[in-house]
Protein backbone atom coordinates (compact mmCIF):
# COMPACT_ATOMS: atom_id res chain seq x y z
CA THR A 1 -24.78 9.31 -42.91
CA ASP A 2 -21.18 8.92 -41.47
CA LYS A 3 -18.15 10.85 -43.25
CA PRO A 4 -15.67 8.25 -44.99
CA ASP A 5 -12.76 9.85 -43.00
CA GLN A 6 -14.73 9.43 -39.64
CA LYS A 7 -14.16 5.94 -37.76
CA ILE A 8 -16.69 4.49 -35.46
CA ASP A 9 -15.30 2.22 -32.94
CA ARG A 10 -17.92 -0.64 -32.70
CA ASN A 11 -15.67 -3.16 -30.91
CA PRO A 12 -17.50 -4.72 -28.40
CA ALA A 13 -14.49 -5.65 -26.17
CA ARG A 14 -13.65 -2.16 -25.78
CA VAL A 15 -17.06 -1.17 -24.48
CA ASN A 16 -16.75 -4.01 -21.98
CA GLU A 17 -13.42 -3.08 -20.98
CA GLU A 18 -14.64 0.35 -20.23
CA SER A 19 -17.49 -0.94 -18.31
CA VAL A 20 -15.22 -3.19 -16.39
CA MET A 21 -12.90 -0.40 -15.33
CA ALA A 22 -15.71 1.51 -14.36
CA LYS A 23 -17.03 -1.19 -11.64
CA SER A 24 -13.41 -1.77 -10.71
CA GLY A 25 -12.57 1.83 -9.89
CA LYS A 26 -13.41 1.45 -6.36
CA TYR A 27 -10.38 -1.10 -5.88
CA PHE A 28 -7.75 1.68 -7.04
CA LEU A 29 -6.42 3.95 -4.84
CA GLN A 30 -6.72 7.55 -5.02
CA LYS A 31 -3.53 8.82 -3.56
CA VAL A 32 -0.25 6.92 -2.26
CA PRO A 33 -0.47 5.81 1.41
CA LEU A 34 1.55 7.42 4.11
CA GLY A 35 4.93 6.64 4.06
CA PHE A 36 5.27 6.04 0.46
CA THR A 37 6.41 9.09 -1.84
CA ASN A 38 5.21 7.88 -5.05
CA PRO A 39 3.40 5.06 -6.57
CA GLN A 40 6.08 3.04 -8.06
CA GLN A 41 7.54 2.63 -4.59
CA TYR A 42 4.21 1.60 -3.26
CA GLU A 43 3.80 -1.17 -6.22
CA GLN A 44 7.20 -2.70 -5.45
CA GLU A 45 6.32 -3.19 -1.75
CA LEU A 46 3.25 -4.93 -2.93
CA ARG A 47 5.18 -7.16 -5.49
CA MET A 48 7.76 -8.14 -2.78
CA PRO A 49 7.07 -11.67 -1.34
CA LEU A 50 6.53 -12.05 2.17
CA GLY A 51 6.79 -15.75 2.56
CA GLN A 52 9.56 -17.90 4.47
CA GLU A 53 10.48 -19.34 1.03
CA TRP A 54 11.71 -16.03 -0.19
CA ASN A 55 12.89 -14.36 2.91
CA THR A 56 15.24 -15.29 5.84
CA ARG A 57 13.59 -16.09 8.90
CA ASN A 58 14.49 -12.99 10.75
CA VAL A 59 13.27 -10.77 7.63
CA HIS A 60 10.14 -12.80 7.62
CA MET A 61 9.23 -12.22 11.24
CA ASN A 62 10.00 -8.87 11.21
CA ARG A 63 7.79 -8.28 8.36
CA VAL A 64 5.09 -10.45 9.58
CA LYS A 65 5.28 -8.86 13.09
CA PRO A 66 1.96 -7.32 14.50
CA LYS A 67 2.39 -3.53 15.07
CA VAL A 68 0.96 -3.58 18.48
CA PHE A 69 2.03 -6.41 20.79
CA VAL A 70 -0.05 -7.19 23.98
CA LYS A 71 0.66 -10.01 26.53
CA VAL A 72 -1.93 -12.53 27.15
CA GLY A 73 -4.20 -11.60 30.14
CA ALA A 74 -2.95 -7.78 29.79
CA VAL A 75 -5.94 -5.01 29.75
CA VAL A 76 -5.80 -3.08 26.91
CA PRO A 77 -7.76 0.19 27.58
CA PRO A 78 -10.55 1.38 25.11
CA LEU A 79 -9.44 3.91 22.55
CA GLN A 80 -11.79 6.77 24.09
CA TYR A 81 -9.41 6.96 27.27
CA VAL A 82 -6.19 6.82 25.45
């Protein structure tokens, strides 16, 4: 029934690959996060190691420093009142 010049792909690995891509699609970003201009810039940031073994102590401490620093015992107001 198939034409001789028509090629049917019956490779089970390809079918499996498509189903895996459909399932893993939720883990991929739809757009680049704020602060990055293109996907290559974001990928480069993700590939850069954060550990002390690869960076100097000052660079490591700056990269892993929390964005919000609150002293112990300080009262933090709820977000609805900020």
